[in-house]
Amino acid sequence: MRESSLQLADGRSLAYAEHGDRDGTPVLFFHGLPGSRLTRHPDESIAAAAGVRLFTFDRPGYGRSSAYPGRRIADWAGDVEQFAAVEELERFAVVAWSGGAPYALAVADALRERVDRVVLVAPIAPLAGTPAARDLSPALRRRVRIARVAPWLVSLSVAREVRAFARDPDRALARAFADAPACDRNVLDDEPLRKMYLASRGEAYRQGPRPVLHDALLYLRPWGFEISAVAAPVQIFHGRLDTTITEAHGLALAAALPNTETTLVDGEGHMLCLTRWEQLLRAAVD
């Protein structure tokens, strides 16, 4: 893994990491909520064997990337455009997990001459002006209801989570997965995956709870672009047992996108991104 950081035009820093085959096909991976540049499968040989030059990122306020007050989801495309110029990437594919999906589609919309393909894994659909919140986990539904009327209450909840993770990461992770299906909990029985997940969550909280809250509230607002205008081919993978973001979200996005293929995976949940990592990378470059 090669870690890097670049200074953006407005003076902010964007932190990212590179994995896999330096001569491979460029693939940009966007983490969920929360997450960081450390989110990916820890077996570096998978990306290399797939012929993928993989880049992972800290979104604004996460890890070592500067906060970006007042940003919209659509603004992420400007950061990615500057990154692509620095790394001299003329074209690339994008893979996004969960809450990273809106950011992937924003990049595909704004940088349509550069994005060859988009792979969305357990993606979230738009929440603003839609009934999609009912297809989230009970805990997330409660947060959405509260955030729409009293965002400050959600800020207290996020702050408690950050403090709990700092005190006892293992216990906090166990609580976070307490209501998850067995297929998701079992993923963390793999020690390298568990270690990666804990490290990524720790990086996500590096700058405290404020950036996490800011990112979370963006999902309740319009994304800043028209999904139906995304021209790149999009492949959606969603686990049928996903209780965090149910398959209804993947199907809603598929209905809104003009060029998409959807795969619903039996026996898999929200952690599908890690259990099917090789398949997802190959889908991005094949």
Protein backbone atom coordinates (compact mmCIF):
# COMPACT_ATOMS: atom_id res chain seq x y z
CA MET A 1 0.00 0.00 0.00
CA ARG A 2 1.29 3.44 -0.96
CA GLU A 3 -0.18 6.34 1.01
CA SER A 4 -0.34 9.81 -0.51
CA SER A 5 -1.91 13.21 -0.03
CA LEU A 6 -2.44 16.10 -2.40
CA GLN A 7 -3.25 19.74 -1.85
CA LEU A 8 -6.43 20.75 -3.63
CA ALA A 9 -6.95 24.08 -5.35
CA ASP A 10 -8.77 25.54 -2.34
CA GLY A 11 -5.96 24.53 0.05
CA ARG A 12 -7.61 21.44 1.48
CA SER A 13 -5.78 18.11 1.68
CA LEU A 14 -7.07 14.92 0.08
CA ALA A 15 -5.61 11.71 1.49
CA TYR A 16 -5.63 8.48 -0.48
CA ALA A 17 -3.86 5.13 -0.80
CA GLU A 18 -2.85 2.99 -3.76
CA HIS A 19 -2.99 -0.81 -3.91
CA GLY A 20 -2.65 -3.64 -6.39
CA ASP A 21 -0.96 -3.57 -9.79
CA ARG A 22 0.80 -0.27 -10.59
CA ASP A 23 0.37 -1.05 -14.28
CA GLY A 24 -3.22 -2.25 -13.95
CA THR A 25 -6.55 -0.69 -14.84
CA PRO A 26 -7.30 2.25 -12.52
CA VAL A 27 -10.24 1.66 -10.16
CA LEU A 28 -11.37 4.23 -7.58
CA PHE A 29 -13.06 2.83 -4.46
CA PHE A 30 -15.37 5.03 -2.36
CA HIS A 31 -16.08 4.01 1.24
CA GLY A 32 -19.41 4.10 3.05
CA LEU A 33 -20.56 5.90 6.20
CA PRO A 34 -18.36 6.02 8.15
CA GLY A 35 -15.16 4.86 6.48
CA SER A 36 -11.75 5.87 5.28
CA ARG A 37 -8.98 5.16 2.81
CA LEU A 38 -8.25 2.01 4.85
CA THR A 39 -11.56 0.44 3.80
CA ARG A 40 -10.85 -2.39 1.36
CA HIS A 41 -10.10 -6.09 1.42
CA PRO A 42 -6.79 -6.51 3.32
CA ASP A 43 -5.47 -9.15 0.90
CA GLU A 44 -3.53 -6.92 -1.48
CA SER A 45 -2.92 -9.81 -3.88
CA ILE A 46 -6.59 -9.84 -4.95
CA ALA A 47 -6.40 -6.46 -6.68
CA ALA A 48 -3.03 -7.31 -8.20
CA ALA A 49 -4.30 -10.63 -9.59
CA ALA A 50 -7.31 -8.87 -11.10
CA GLY A 51 -5.02 -6.42 -12.89
CA VAL A 52 -6.39 -3.50 -10.86
CA ARG A 53 -4.58 -0.36 -9.80
CA LEU A 54 -6.80 0.45 -6.84
CA PHE A 55 -7.15 3.83 -5.15
CA THR A 56 -8.96 4.33 -1.85
CA PHE A 57 -9.78 7.70 -0.28
CA ASP A 58 -10.61 9.68 2.84
CA ARG A 59 -13.65 11.79 2.01
CA PRO A 60 -13.58 15.35 3.44
CA GLY A 61 -13.30 15.32 7.21
CA TYR A 62 -12.43 11.62 7.43
CA GLY A 63 -8.96 10.32 8.23
CA ARG A 64 -6.33 12.73 6.95
CA SER A 65 -8.51 14.66 4.49
CA SER A 66 -9.46 18.24 5.36
CA ALA A 67 -13.03 19.05 6.26
CA TYR A 68 -15.12 20.82 3.63
CA PRO A 69 -17.83 22.89 5.35
CA GLY A 70 -20.95 23.47 3.29
CA ARG A 71 -20.15 20.79 0.72
CA ARG A 72 -22.69 18.76 -1.24
CA ILE A 73 -22.37 15.18 -2.41
CA ALA A 74 -21.93 16.47 -5.97
CA ASP A 75 -18.85 18.48 -4.91
CA TRP A 76 -16.86 15.26 -4.46
CA ALA A 77 -16.46 15.10 -8.24
CA GLY A 78 -14.27 18.21 -8.17
CA ASP A 79 -11.88 16.61 -5.68
CA VAL A 80 -11.71 13.44 -7.77
CA GLU A 81 -11.05 15.43 -10.93
CA GLN A 82 -8.02 17.08 -9.32
CA PHE A 83 -6.82 13.71 -8.01
CA ALA A 84 -7.09 12.15 -11.48
CA ALA A 85 -5.04 14.99 -12.94
CA VAL A 86 -2.26 14.50 -10.39
CA GLU A 87 -2.16 10.73 -10.93
CA GLU A 88 -2.48 11.22 -14.71
CA LEU A 89 -5.55 9.00 -15.00
CA GLU A 90 -7.30 9.61 -18.30
CA ARG A 91 -9.98 6.98 -17.68
CA PHE A 92 -10.98 4.83 -14.72
CA ALA A 93 -13.73 2.73 -13.18
CA VAL A 94 -15.43 3.39 -9.86
CA VAL A 95 -16.53 0.94 -7.16
CA ALA A 96 -18.55 2.21 -4.20
CA TRP A 97 -19.94 0.55 -1.09
CA SER A 98 -23.14 1.55 0.68
CA GLY A 99 -23.05 5.30 1.38
CA GLY A 100 -20.29 5.69 -1.19
CA ALA A 101 -22.81 5.10 -3.98
CA PRO A 102 -24.08 8.70 -4.30
CA TYR A 103 -20.48 9.89 -4.53
CA ALA A 104 -19.72 7.37 -7.27
CA LEU A 105 -22.72 8.47 -9.31
CA ALA A 106 -21.78 12.13 -8.80
CA VAL A 107 -18.35 11.43 -10.28
CA ALA A 108 -19.84 9.44 -13.16
CA ASP A 109 -22.19 12.33 -13.93
CA ALA A 110 -19.61 15.13 -13.74
CA LEU A 111 -16.65 13.27 -15.26
CA ARG A 112 -18.53 11.27 -17.85
CA GLU A 113 -15.65 11.39 -20.36
CA ARG A 114 -13.39 9.63 -17.85
CA VAL A 115 -15.60 7.06 -16.11
CA ASP A 116 -15.80 3.75 -17.97
CA ARG A 117 -17.95 1.80 -15.51
CA VAL A 118 -19.52 2.06 -12.06
CA VAL A 119 -20.02 -0.83 -9.64
CA LEU A 120 -22.31 -0.15 -6.68
CA VAL A 121 -22.37 -2.55 -3.74
CA ALA A 122 -25.29 -2.44 -1.28
CA PRO A 123 -25.99 1.14 -2.43
CA ILE A 124 -28.23 3.65 -0.72
CA ALA A 125 -30.92 5.33 -2.81
CA PRO A 126 -31.98 8.99 -2.48
CA LEU A 127 -33.76 9.76 0.79
CA ALA A 128 -34.85 13.35 0.08
CA GLY A 129 -38.44 13.43 -1.10
CA THR A 130 -38.72 9.63 -1.27
CA PRO A 131 -40.03 6.87 1.04
CA ALA A 132 -36.69 5.02 0.82
CA ALA A 133 -35.94 5.49 4.55
CA ARG A 134 -38.48 2.77 5.34
CA ASP A 135 -36.14 0.29 3.65
CA LEU A 136 -33.26 1.01 6.04
CA SER A 137 -32.50 -0.87 9.25
CA PRO A 138 -34.67 0.13 12.25
CA ALA A 139 -31.73 1.99 13.81
CA LEU A 140 -31.10 3.99 10.64
CA ARG A 141 -34.80 4.72 10.21
CA ARG A 142 -34.90 6.21 13.70
CA ARG A 143 -31.89 8.37 12.95
CA VAL A 144 -33.43 9.64 9.74
CA ARG A 145 -36.66 10.58 11.53
CA ILE A 146 -34.75 12.39 14.28
CA ALA A 147 -32.30 14.09 11.92
CA ARG A 148 -35.14 15.59 9.89
CA VAL A 149 -36.53 17.43 12.93
CA ALA A 150 -33.63 17.70 15.41
CA PRO A 151 -30.17 17.15 13.89
CA TRP A 152 -28.53 18.12 17.18
CA LEU A 153 -29.91 14.96 18.77
CA VAL A 154 -28.17 12.88 16.12
CA SER A 155 -24.95 14.77 16.83
CA LEU A 156 -25.13 13.60 20.44
CA SER A 157 -25.62 10.01 19.32
CA VAL A 158 -22.68 10.16 16.91
CA ALA A 159 -20.47 11.70 19.59
CA ARG A 160 -21.35 8.84 21.96
CA GLU A 161 -20.40 6.30 19.29
CA VAL A 162 -17.06 7.97 18.67
CA ARG A 163 -16.26 8.03 22.40
CA ALA A 164 -17.34 4.40 22.81
CA PHE A 165 -15.09 3.33 19.97
CA ALA A 166 -12.15 5.20 21.45
CA ARG A 167 -12.65 3.45 24.81
CA ASP A 168 -13.16 -0.11 23.54
CA PRO A 169 -13.12 -0.64 19.75
CA ASP A 170 -13.95 -4.35 19.94
CA ARG A 171 -16.95 -3.84 22.17
CA ALA A 172 -18.20 -0.94 20.04
CA LEU A 173 -17.91 -3.05 16.90
CA ALA A 174 -19.79 -5.92 18.54
CA ARG A 175 -22.61 -3.55 19.48
CA ALA A 176 -22.72 -2.12 15.95
CA PHE A 177 -23.20 -5.62 14.52
CA ALA A 178 -25.46 -6.98 17.27
CA ASP A 179 -28.59 -6.92 15.10
CA ALA A 180 -26.88 -7.81 11.83
CA PRO A 181 -27.60 -11.14 10.13
CA ALA A 182 -25.18 -13.98 10.80
CA CYS A 183 -23.66 -13.71 7.33
CA ASP A 184 -22.47 -10.18 8.21
CA ARG A 185 -21.30 -10.98 11.74
CA ASN A 186 -19.35 -13.98 10.47
CA VAL A 187 -17.26 -11.79 8.18
CA LEU A 188 -15.60 -10.27 11.23
CA ASP A 189 -14.52 -13.71 12.44
CA ASP A 190 -11.80 -13.41 9.81
CA GLU A 191 -9.01 -11.70 11.76
CA PRO A 192 -7.44 -9.72 8.86
CA LEU A 193 -10.89 -8.41 7.85
CA ARG A 194 -11.70 -7.51 11.44
CA LYS A 195 -8.38 -5.73 11.87
CA MET A 196 -8.96 -3.76 8.68
CA TYR A 197 -12.48 -2.82 9.70
CA LEU A 198 -11.36 -1.58 13.11
CA ALA A 199 -8.48 0.40 11.62
CA SER A 200 -10.76 2.01 9.03
CA ARG A 201 -13.35 2.94 11.63
CA GLY A 202 -10.62 4.44 13.79
CA GLU A 203 -9.43 6.58 10.87
CA ALA A 204 -13.00 7.63 10.15
CA TYR A 205 -13.20 9.02 13.68
CA ARG A 206 -9.73 10.62 13.64
CA GLN A 207 -11.18 14.16 13.42
CA GLY A 208 -14.02 13.50 15.84
CA PRO A 209 -17.78 13.22 15.36
CA ARG A 210 -18.47 16.42 13.42
CA PRO A 211 -17.36 15.19 9.96
CA VAL A 212 -19.32 11.95 10.40
CA LEU A 213 -22.46 13.89 11.27
CA HIS A 214 -21.93 16.27 8.35
CA ASP A 215 -21.57 13.36 5.94
CA ALA A 216 -24.64 11.61 7.36
CA LEU A 217 -26.88 14.66 6.98
CA LEU A 218 -25.95 15.01 3.30
CA TYR A 219 -27.88 11.83 2.52
CA LEU A 220 -31.09 13.55 3.61
CA ARG A 221 -30.63 16.29 1.02
CA PRO A 222 -30.76 16.24 -2.79
CA TRP A 223 -27.54 14.82 -4.18
CA GLY A 224 -26.99 17.77 -6.54
CA PHE A 225 -27.32 15.99 -9.90
CA GLU A 226 -29.84 13.93 -11.85
CA ILE A 227 -29.37 10.18 -11.47
CA SER A 228 -31.11 9.62 -14.79
CA ALA A 229 -28.35 11.61 -16.53
CA VAL A 230 -25.59 9.16 -15.55
CA ALA A 231 -24.48 7.67 -18.86
CA ALA A 232 -21.81 5.20 -17.74
CA PRO A 233 -22.82 1.54 -17.42
CA VAL A 234 -23.64 0.76 -13.81
CA GLN A 235 -23.62 -2.69 -12.22
CA ILE A 236 -25.39 -3.08 -8.89
CA PHE A 237 -24.73 -5.90 -6.41
CA HIS A 238 -27.03 -6.25 -3.41
CA GLY A 239 -27.24 -9.01 -0.84
CA ARG A 240 -30.76 -10.36 -0.34
CA LEU A 241 -30.12 -10.65 3.41
CA ASP A 242 -28.98 -7.04 3.78
CA THR A 243 -30.90 -5.51 6.67
CA THR A 244 -28.82 -2.31 6.87
CA ILE A 245 -29.82 -1.06 3.43
CA THR A 246 -32.29 -3.49 1.93
CA GLU A 247 -32.31 -4.60 -1.70
CA ALA A 248 -35.17 -2.18 -2.36
CA HIS A 249 -32.55 0.58 -2.51
CA GLY A 250 -30.53 -1.22 -5.16
CA LEU A 251 -33.68 -1.84 -7.19
CA ALA A 252 -34.76 1.80 -6.87
CA LEU A 253 -31.42 2.99 -8.22
CA ALA A 254 -31.58 0.44 -11.03
CA ALA A 255 -34.99 1.81 -12.04
CA ALA A 256 -33.65 5.38 -12.10
CA LEU A 257 -30.44 4.71 -14.02
CA PRO A 258 -30.53 4.45 -17.83
CA ASN A 259 -27.83 1.79 -18.27
CA THR A 260 -27.68 -0.70 -15.43
CA GLU A 261 -27.46 -4.38 -14.56
CA THR A 262 -28.51 -5.68 -11.14
CA THR A 263 -27.34 -8.80 -9.32
CA LEU A 264 -29.18 -9.83 -6.14
CA VAL A 265 -27.01 -12.26 -4.19
CA ASP A 266 -28.59 -15.00 -2.08
CA GLY A 267 -27.09 -15.66 1.35
CA GLU A 268 -25.24 -12.33 1.51
CA GLY A 269 -25.84 -9.19 3.54
CA HIS A 270 -24.31 -5.73 3.81
CA MET A 271 -20.76 -7.06 4.03
CA LEU A 272 -21.05 -8.35 0.48
CA CYS A 273 -18.36 -5.90 -0.54
CA LEU A 274 -15.72 -7.80 1.40
CA THR A 275 -16.92 -11.35 0.75
CA ARG A 276 -17.14 -10.77 -3.03
CA TRP A 277 -14.21 -8.37 -3.36
CA GLU A 278 -12.53 -10.14 -6.27
CA GLN A 279 -15.79 -10.47 -8.21
CA LEU A 280 -16.51 -6.76 -7.75
CA LEU A 281 -13.07 -5.64 -8.91
CA ARG A 282 -13.28 -7.86 -11.96
CA ALA A 283 -16.75 -6.51 -12.73
CA ALA A 284 -15.23 -3.02 -12.74
CA VAL A 285 -12.55 -3.84 -15.30
CA ASP A 286 -13.93 -6.69 -17.43
